[in-house]
Amino acid sequence: MTQLQYEGIQAPDWLSSINSKLKEADAVVVVSAEYNHSIPPPLSNMLDHFPLASYAYKPSGIVCYSTGMQDTSFFFVECSY
């Protein structure tokens, strides 16, 4: 079974393409709107599909933006646990 397969079902081509780009990257930066003190569920779901080896030992960062003054600060507090 390859890394992006789940019970014999092959991942879509676009998802495999993104995984290849992640593996080749020197660092990872995620820029997203804040959603309920976190990143949007579709983004979280997409990132969960990649094996941990795609991110291993790479510098990474998360940039969030929000319309509220404190929404994003709560997100960073929750991520620090």
PDB file of N, CA and C in Angstrom:
ATOM      1  N   MET A   1       0.842  -1.178   0.000  1.00  0.00           N
ATOM      2  CA  MET A   1       0.000   0.000   0.000  1.00  0.00           C
ATOM      3  C   MET A   1       0.890   1.245   0.000  1.00  0.00           C
ATOM      4  N   THR A   2       0.632   2.164  -0.896  1.00  0.00           N
ATOM      5  CA  THR A   2       1.412   3.393  -0.929  1.00  0.00           C
ATOM      6  C   THR A   2       0.972   4.320   0.194  1.00  0.00           C
ATOM      7  N   GLN A   3       1.735   5.390   0.399  1.00  0.00           N
ATOM      8  CA  GLN A   3       1.475   6.283   1.522  1.00  0.00           C
ATOM      9  C   GLN A   3       0.124   6.983   1.441  1.00  0.00           C
ATOM     10  N   LEU A   4      -0.338   7.280   0.254  1.00  0.00           N
ATOM     11  CA  LEU A   4      -1.592   8.026   0.122  1.00  0.00           C
ATOM     12  C   LEU A   4      -2.770   7.137  -0.260  1.00  0.00           C
ATOM     13  N   GLN A   5      -2.735   5.873   0.152  1.00  0.00           N
ATOM     14  CA  GLN A   5      -3.846   4.979  -0.090  1.00  0.00           C
ATOM     15  C   GLN A   5      -4.574   4.721   1.213  1.00  0.00           C
ATOM     16  N   TYR A   6      -5.857   4.488   1.120  1.00  0.00           N
ATOM     17  CA  TYR A   6      -6.650   4.157   2.288  1.00  0.00           C
ATOM     18  C   TYR A   6      -7.540   2.997   1.915  1.00  0.00           C
ATOM     19  N   GLU A   7      -7.294   1.855   2.508  1.00  0.00           N
ATOM     20  CA  GLU A   7      -8.053   0.641   2.235  1.00  0.00           C
ATOM     21  C   GLU A   7      -8.197   0.381   0.735  1.00  0.00           C
ATOM     22  N   GLY A   8      -7.074   0.478   0.021  1.00  0.00           N
ATOM     23  CA  GLY A   8      -7.060   0.157  -1.401  1.00  0.00           C
ATOM     24  C   GLY A   8      -7.559   1.254  -2.322  1.00  0.00           C
ATOM     25  N   ILE A   9      -7.935   2.397  -1.793  1.00  0.00           N
ATOM     26  CA  ILE A   9      -8.422   3.498  -2.619  1.00  0.00           C
ATOM     27  C   ILE A   9      -7.276   4.488  -2.808  1.00  0.00           C
ATOM     28  N   GLN A  10      -6.910   4.750  -4.052  1.00  0.00           N
ATOM     29  CA  GLN A  10      -5.819   5.668  -4.360  1.00  0.00           C
ATOM     30  C   GLN A  10      -6.263   7.113  -4.177  1.00  0.00           C
ATOM     31  N   ALA A  11      -5.376   7.925  -3.636  1.00  0.00           N
ATOM     32  CA  ALA A  11      -5.667   9.351  -3.453  1.00  0.00           C
ATOM     33  C   ALA A  11      -5.797  10.032  -4.823  1.00  0.00           C
ATOM     34  N   PRO A  12      -6.562  11.131  -4.891  1.00  0.00           N
ATOM     35  CA  PRO A  12      -6.674  11.880  -6.145  1.00  0.00           C
ATOM     36  C   PRO A  12      -5.307  12.392  -6.602  1.00  0.00           C
ATOM     37  N   ASP A  13      -5.170  12.600  -7.900  1.00  0.00           N
ATOM     38  CA  ASP A  13      -3.897  13.053  -8.465  1.00  0.00           C
ATOM     39  C   ASP A  13      -3.434  14.377  -7.868  1.00  0.00           C
ATOM     40  N   TRP A  14      -4.359  15.320  -7.634  1.00  0.00           N
ATOM     41  CA  TRP A  14      -3.966  16.627  -7.102  1.00  0.00           C
ATOM     42  C   TRP A  14      -3.389  16.488  -5.701  1.00  0.00           C
ATOM     43  N   LEU A  15      -3.907  15.544  -4.916  1.00  0.00           N
ATOM     44  CA  LEU A  15      -3.397  15.342  -3.566  1.00  0.00           C
ATOM     45  C   LEU A  15      -2.008  14.703  -3.604  1.00  0.00           C
ATOM     46  N   SER A  16      -1.801  13.766  -4.499  1.00  0.00           N
ATOM     47  CA  SER A  16      -0.475  13.166  -4.675  1.00  0.00           C
ATOM     48  C   SER A  16       0.530  14.199  -5.158  1.00  0.00           C
ATOM     49  N   SER A  17       0.085  15.108  -6.023  1.00  0.00           N
ATOM     50  CA  SER A  17       0.958  16.170  -6.526  1.00  0.00           C
ATOM     51  C   SER A  17       1.393  17.106  -5.391  1.00  0.00           C
ATOM     52  N   ILE A  18       0.452  17.480  -4.531  1.00  0.00           N
ATOM     53  CA  ILE A  18       0.787  18.348  -3.397  1.00  0.00           C
ATOM     54  C   ILE A  18       1.743  17.642  -2.455  1.00  0.00           C
ATOM     55  N   ASN A  19       1.541  16.349  -2.234  1.00  0.00           N
ATOM     56  CA  ASN A  19       2.433  15.591  -1.357  1.00  0.00           C
ATOM     57  C   ASN A  19       3.853  15.573  -1.925  1.00  0.00           C
ATOM     58  N   SER A  20       3.993  15.430  -3.221  1.00  0.00           N
ATOM     59  CA  SER A  20       5.317  15.459  -3.850  1.00  0.00           C
ATOM     60  C   SER A  20       5.985  16.816  -3.645  1.00  0.00           C
ATOM     61  N   LYS A  21       5.206  17.880  -3.779  1.00  0.00           N
ATOM     62  CA  LYS A  21       5.757  19.224  -3.567  1.00  0.00           C
ATOM     63  C   LYS A  21       6.171  19.432  -2.109  1.00  0.00           C
ATOM     64  N   LEU A  22       5.395  18.892  -1.172  1.00  0.00           N
ATOM     65  CA  LEU A  22       5.760  18.987   0.243  1.00  0.00           C
ATOM     66  C   LEU A  22       7.080  18.282   0.524  1.00  0.00           C
ATOM     67  N   LYS A  23       7.248  17.105  -0.059  1.00  0.00           N
ATOM     68  CA  LYS A  23       8.478  16.344   0.166  1.00  0.00           C
ATOM     69  C   LYS A  23       9.701  17.079  -0.380  1.00  0.00           C
ATOM     70  N   GLU A  24       9.536  17.782  -1.493  1.00  0.00           N
ATOM     71  CA  GLU A  24      10.648  18.500  -2.116  1.00  0.00           C
ATOM     72  C   GLU A  24      10.943  19.838  -1.435  1.00  0.00           C
ATOM     73  N   ALA A  25       9.996  20.368  -0.696  1.00  0.00           N
ATOM     74  CA  ALA A  25      10.139  21.701  -0.095  1.00  0.00           C
ATOM     75  C   ALA A  25      11.159  21.696   1.040  1.00  0.00           C
ATOM     76  N   ASP A  26      11.821  22.838   1.208  1.00  0.00           N
ATOM     77  CA  ASP A  26      12.768  23.012   2.310  1.00  0.00           C
ATOM     78  C   ASP A  26      12.059  23.438   3.593  1.00  0.00           C
ATOM     79  N   ALA A  27      10.884  24.050   3.472  1.00  0.00           N
ATOM     80  CA  ALA A  27      10.114  24.515   4.624  1.00  0.00           C
ATOM     81  C   ALA A  27       8.632  24.537   4.241  1.00  0.00           C
ATOM     82  N   VAL A  28       7.776  24.646   5.247  1.00  0.00           N
ATOM     83  CA  VAL A  28       6.330  24.666   5.015  1.00  0.00           C
ATOM     84  C   VAL A  28       5.738  25.854   5.761  1.00  0.00           C
ATOM     85  N   VAL A  29       4.958  26.685   5.063  1.00  0.00           N
ATOM     86  CA  VAL A  29       4.241  27.795   5.685  1.00  0.00           C
ATOM     87  C   VAL A  29       2.775  27.665   5.279  1.00  0.00           C
ATOM     88  N   VAL A  30       1.900  27.664   6.262  1.00  0.00           N
ATOM     89  CA  VAL A  30       0.463  27.590   6.018  1.00  0.00           C
ATOM     90  C   VAL A  30      -0.123  28.967   6.310  1.00  0.00           C
ATOM     91  N   VAL A  31      -0.812  29.541   5.333  1.00  0.00           N
ATOM     92  CA  VAL A  31      -1.487  30.832   5.499  1.00  0.00           C
ATOM     93  C   VAL A  31      -2.977  30.573   5.340  1.00  0.00           C
ATOM     94  N   SER A  32      -3.743  30.936   6.358  1.00  0.00           N
ATOM     95  CA  SER A  32      -5.164  30.616   6.337  1.00  0.00           C
ATOM     96  C   SER A  32      -5.952  31.598   7.182  1.00  0.00           C
ATOM     97  N   ALA A  33      -7.214  31.703   6.871  1.00  0.00           N
ATOM     98  CA  ALA A  33      -8.125  32.454   7.734  1.00  0.00           C
ATOM     99  C   ALA A  33      -8.363  31.651   9.008  1.00  0.00           C
ATOM    100  N   GLU A  34      -8.615  32.353  10.086  1.00  0.00           N
ATOM    101  CA  GLU A  34      -8.953  31.697  11.349  1.00  0.00           C
ATOM    102  C   GLU A  34     -10.396  31.226  11.265  1.00  0.00           C
ATOM    103  N   TYR A  35     -10.644  30.026  11.735  1.00  0.00           N
ATOM    104  CA  TYR A  35     -11.998  29.485  11.744  1.00  0.00           C
ATOM    105  C   TYR A  35     -12.239  28.823  13.096  1.00  0.00           C
ATOM    106  N   ASN A  36     -13.065  29.421  13.914  1.00  0.00           N
ATOM    107  CA  ASN A  36     -13.404  28.862  15.221  1.00  0.00           C
ATOM    108  C   ASN A  36     -12.153  28.548  16.039  1.00  0.00           C
ATOM    109  N   HIS A  37     -11.226  29.504  16.090  1.00  0.00           N
ATOM    110  CA  HIS A  37      -9.974  29.411  16.833  1.00  0.00           C
ATOM    111  C   HIS A  37      -9.018  28.354  16.284  1.00  0.00           C
ATOM    112  N   SER A  38      -9.104  28.046  15.017  1.00  0.00           N
ATOM    113  CA  SER A  38      -8.216  27.060  14.397  1.00  0.00           C
ATOM    114  C   SER A  38      -8.181  27.316  12.887  1.00  0.00           C
ATOM    115  N   ILE A  39      -7.591  26.383  12.152  1.00  0.00           N
ATOM    116  CA  ILE A  39      -7.638  26.478  10.698  1.00  0.00           C
ATOM    117  C   ILE A  39      -8.941  25.843  10.217  1.00  0.00           C
ATOM    118  N   PRO A  40      -9.411  26.184   9.021  1.00  0.00           N
ATOM    119  CA  PRO A  40     -10.665  25.615   8.521  1.00  0.00           C
ATOM    120  C   PRO A  40     -10.594  24.082   8.428  1.00  0.00           C
ATOM    121  N   PRO A  41     -11.681  23.394   8.724  1.00  0.00           N
ATOM    122  CA  PRO A  41     -11.691  21.929   8.677  1.00  0.00           C
ATOM    123  C   PRO A  41     -11.227  21.328   7.350  1.00  0.00           C
ATOM    124  N   PRO A  42     -11.605  21.886   6.180  1.00  0.00           N
ATOM    125  CA  PRO A  42     -11.102  21.281   4.939  1.00  0.00           C
ATOM    126  C   PRO A  42      -9.567  21.327   4.833  1.00  0.00           C
ATOM    127  N   LEU A  43      -8.958  22.405   5.306  1.00  0.00           N
ATOM    128  CA  LEU A  43      -7.495  22.506   5.284  1.00  0.00           C
ATOM    129  C   LEU A  43      -6.894  21.484   6.237  1.00  0.00           C
ATOM    130  N   SER A  44      -7.448  21.373   7.423  1.00  0.00           N
ATOM    131  CA  SER A  44      -6.972  20.384   8.396  1.00  0.00           C
ATOM    132  C   SER A  44      -7.100  18.972   7.837  1.00  0.00           C
ATOM    133  N   ASN A  45      -8.232  18.684   7.199  1.00  0.00           N
ATOM    134  CA  ASN A  45      -8.459  17.362   6.609  1.00  0.00           C
ATOM    135  C   ASN A  45      -7.438  17.067   5.522  1.00  0.00           C
ATOM    136  N   MET A  46      -7.158  18.059   4.660  1.00  0.00           N
ATOM    137  CA  MET A  46      -6.185  17.854   3.596  1.00  0.00           C
ATOM    138  C   MET A  46      -4.796  17.578   4.176  1.00  0.00           C
ATOM    139  N   LEU A  47      -4.389  18.357   5.179  1.00  0.00           N
ATOM    140  CA  LEU A  47      -3.065  18.163   5.777  1.00  0.00           C
ATOM    141  C   LEU A  47      -2.954  16.815   6.485  1.00  0.00           C
ATOM    142  N   ASP A  48      -4.062  16.324   7.034  1.00  0.00           N
ATOM    143  CA  ASP A  48      -4.059  15.023   7.709  1.00  0.00           C
ATOM    144  C   ASP A  48      -3.850  13.857   6.745  1.00  0.00           C
ATOM    145  N   HIS A  49      -4.120  14.062   5.470  1.00  0.00           N
ATOM    146  CA  HIS A  49      -3.950  12.991   4.486  1.00  0.00           C
ATOM    147  C   HIS A  49      -2.482  12.688   4.193  1.00  0.00           C
ATOM    148  N   PHE A  50      -1.594  13.647   4.456  1.00  0.00           N
ATOM    149  CA  PHE A  50      -0.189  13.452   4.142  1.00  0.00           C
ATOM    150  C   PHE A  50       0.500  12.684   5.262  1.00  0.00           C
ATOM    151  N   PRO A  51       1.401  11.762   4.914  1.00  0.00           N
ATOM    152  CA  PRO A  51       2.147  11.051   5.958  1.00  0.00           C
ATOM    153  C   PRO A  51       3.091  12.014   6.683  1.00  0.00           C
ATOM    154  N   LEU A  52       3.421  11.695   7.922  1.00  0.00           N
ATOM    155  CA  LEU A  52       4.287  12.570   8.710  1.00  0.00           C
ATOM    156  C   LEU A  52       5.651  12.756   8.060  1.00  0.00           C
ATOM    157  N   ALA A  53       6.099  11.802   7.268  1.00  0.00           N
ATOM    158  CA  ALA A  53       7.391  11.920   6.592  1.00  0.00           C
ATOM    159  C   ALA A  53       7.420  13.115   5.635  1.00  0.00           C
ATOM    160  N   SER A  54       6.259  13.566   5.183  1.00  0.00           N
ATOM    161  CA  SER A  54       6.205  14.726   4.290  1.00  0.00           C
ATOM    162  C   SER A  54       6.614  16.007   5.008  1.00  0.00           C
ATOM    163  N   TYR A  55       6.431  16.041   6.337  1.00  0.00           N
ATOM    164  CA  TYR A  55       6.737  17.229   7.128  1.00  0.00           C
ATOM    165  C   TYR A  55       7.987  17.081   7.986  1.00  0.00           C
ATOM    166  N   ALA A  56       8.490  15.885   8.122  1.00  0.00           N
ATOM    167  CA  ALA A  56       9.545  15.593   9.099  1.00  0.00           C
ATOM    168  C   ALA A  56      10.772  16.483   8.938  1.00  0.00           C
ATOM    169  N   TYR A  57      11.201  17.059  10.052  1.00  0.00           N
ATOM    170  CA  TYR A  57      12.435  17.844  10.153  1.00  0.00           C
ATOM    171  C   TYR A  57      12.468  19.055   9.229  1.00  0.00           C
ATOM    172  N   LYS A  58      11.311  19.629   8.943  1.00  0.00           N
ATOM    173  CA  LYS A  58      11.266  20.830   8.110  1.00  0.00           C
ATOM    174  C   LYS A  58      10.824  22.015   8.956  1.00  0.00           C
ATOM    175  N   PRO A  59      11.465  23.165   8.766  1.00  0.00           N
ATOM    176  CA  PRO A  59      10.952  24.355   9.446  1.00  0.00           C
ATOM    177  C   PRO A  59       9.534  24.629   8.959  1.00  0.00           C
ATOM    178  N   SER A  60       8.670  25.054   9.864  1.00  0.00           N
ATOM    179  CA  SER A  60       7.289  25.305   9.460  1.00  0.00           C
ATOM    180  C   SER A  60       6.729  26.507  10.201  1.00  0.00           C
ATOM    181  N   GLY A  61       5.692  27.065   9.647  1.00  0.00           N
ATOM    182  CA  GLY A  61       5.044  28.207  10.271  1.00  0.00           C
ATOM    183  C   GLY A  61       3.576  28.242   9.904  1.00  0.00           C
ATOM    184  N   ILE A  62       2.802  28.869  10.766  1.00  0.00           N
ATOM    185  CA  ILE A  62       1.375  29.039  10.521  1.00  0.00           C
ATOM    186  C   ILE A  62       1.076  30.528  10.605  1.00  0.00           C
ATOM    187  N   VAL A  63       0.452  31.075   9.582  1.00  0.00           N
ATOM    188  CA  VAL A  63       0.047  32.474   9.558  1.00  0.00           C
ATOM    189  C   VAL A  63      -1.471  32.485   9.457  1.00  0.00           C
ATOM    190  N   CYS A  64      -2.115  33.076  10.443  1.00  0.00           N
ATOM    191  CA  CYS A  64      -3.575  33.160  10.458  1.00  0.00           C
ATOM    192  C   CYS A  64      -4.004  34.611  10.469  1.00  0.00           C
ATOM    193  N   TYR A  65      -5.152  34.855   9.933  1.00  0.00           N
ATOM    194  CA  TYR A  65      -5.712  36.197   9.988  1.00  0.00           C
ATOM    195  C   TYR A  65      -7.175  36.093  10.390  1.00  0.00           C
ATOM    196  N   SER A  66      -7.673  37.153  10.994  1.00  0.00           N
ATOM    197  CA  SER A  66      -9.023  37.146  11.525  1.00  0.00           C
ATOM    198  C   SER A  66      -9.589  38.550  11.497  1.00  0.00           C
ATOM    199  N   THR A  67     -10.903  38.650  11.502  1.00  0.00           N
ATOM    200  CA  THR A  67     -11.545  39.957  11.565  1.00  0.00           C
ATOM    201  C   THR A  67     -11.616  40.471  12.999  1.00  0.00           C
ATOM    202  N   GLY A  68     -11.520  39.564  13.970  1.00  0.00           N
ATOM    203  CA  GLY A  68     -11.571  39.964  15.374  1.00  0.00           C
ATOM    204  C   GLY A  68     -10.181  40.257  15.918  1.00  0.00           C
ATOM    205  N   MET A  69     -10.132  40.960  17.041  1.00  0.00           N
ATOM    206  CA  MET A  69      -8.839  41.329  17.615  1.00  0.00           C
ATOM    207  C   MET A  69      -8.167  40.169  18.348  1.00  0.00           C
ATOM    208  N   GLN A  70      -8.932  39.251  18.936  1.00  0.00           N
ATOM    209  CA  GLN A  70      -8.319  38.213  19.743  1.00  0.00           C
ATOM    210  C   GLN A  70      -8.537  36.814  19.206  1.00  0.00           C
ATOM    211  N   ASP A  71      -9.272  36.641  18.149  1.00  0.00           N
ATOM    212  CA  ASP A  71      -9.574  35.299  17.661  1.00  0.00           C
ATOM    213  C   ASP A  71      -8.318  34.498  17.359  1.00  0.00           C
ATOM    214  N   THR A  72      -7.386  35.058  16.618  1.00  0.00           N
ATOM    215  CA  THR A  72      -6.179  34.335  16.234  1.00  0.00           C
ATOM    216  C   THR A  72      -5.281  34.078  17.431  1.00  0.00           C
ATOM    217  N   SER A  73      -5.259  34.978  18.412  1.00  0.00           N
ATOM    218  CA  SER A  73      -4.417  34.750  19.590  1.00  0.00           C
ATOM    219  C   SER A  73      -4.884  33.525  20.361  1.00  0.00           C
ATOM    220  N   PHE A  74      -6.197  33.255  20.407  1.00  0.00           N
ATOM    221  CA  PHE A  74      -6.690  32.053  21.068  1.00  0.00           C
ATOM    222  C   PHE A  74      -6.221  30.811  20.325  1.00  0.00           C
ATOM    223  N   PHE A  75      -6.151  30.892  18.995  1.00  0.00           N
ATOM    224  CA  PHE A  75      -5.688  29.761  18.185  1.00  0.00           C
ATOM    225  C   PHE A  75      -4.256  29.389  18.549  1.00  0.00           C
ATOM    226  N   PHE A  76      -3.399  30.384  18.697  1.00  0.00           N
ATOM    227  CA  PHE A  76      -2.001  30.097  19.025  1.00  0.00           C
ATOM    228  C   PHE A  76      -1.869  29.505  20.425  1.00  0.00           C
ATOM    229  N   VAL A  77      -2.694  29.942  21.349  1.00  0.00           N
ATOM    230  CA  VAL A  77      -2.666  29.367  22.694  1.00  0.00           C
ATOM    231  C   VAL A  77      -3.090  27.909  22.633  1.00  0.00           C
ATOM    232  N   GLU A  78      -4.112  27.587  21.844  1.00  0.00           N
ATOM    233  CA  GLU A  78      -4.572  26.209  21.730  1.00  0.00           C
ATOM    234  C   GLU A  78      -3.540  25.326  21.040  1.00  0.00           C
ATOM    235  N   CYS A  79      -2.812  25.849  20.075  1.00  0.00           N
ATOM    236  CA  CYS A  79      -1.810  25.058  19.350  1.00  0.00           C
ATOM    237  C   CYS A  79      -0.558  24.812  20.184  1.00  0.00           C
ATOM    238  N   SER A  80      -0.353  25.595  21.210  1.00  0.00           N
ATOM    239  CA  SER A  80       0.893  25.461  21.966  1.00  0.00           C
ATOM    240  C   SER A  80       0.862  24.313  22.967  1.00  0.00           C
ATOM    241  N   TYR A  81      -0.259  23.659  23.137  1.00  0.00           N
ATOM    242  CA  TYR A  81      -0.350  22.544  24.091  1.00  0.00           C
ATOM    243  C   TYR A  81       0.171  21.273  23.507  1.00  0.00           C
TER     244      TYR A  81
END
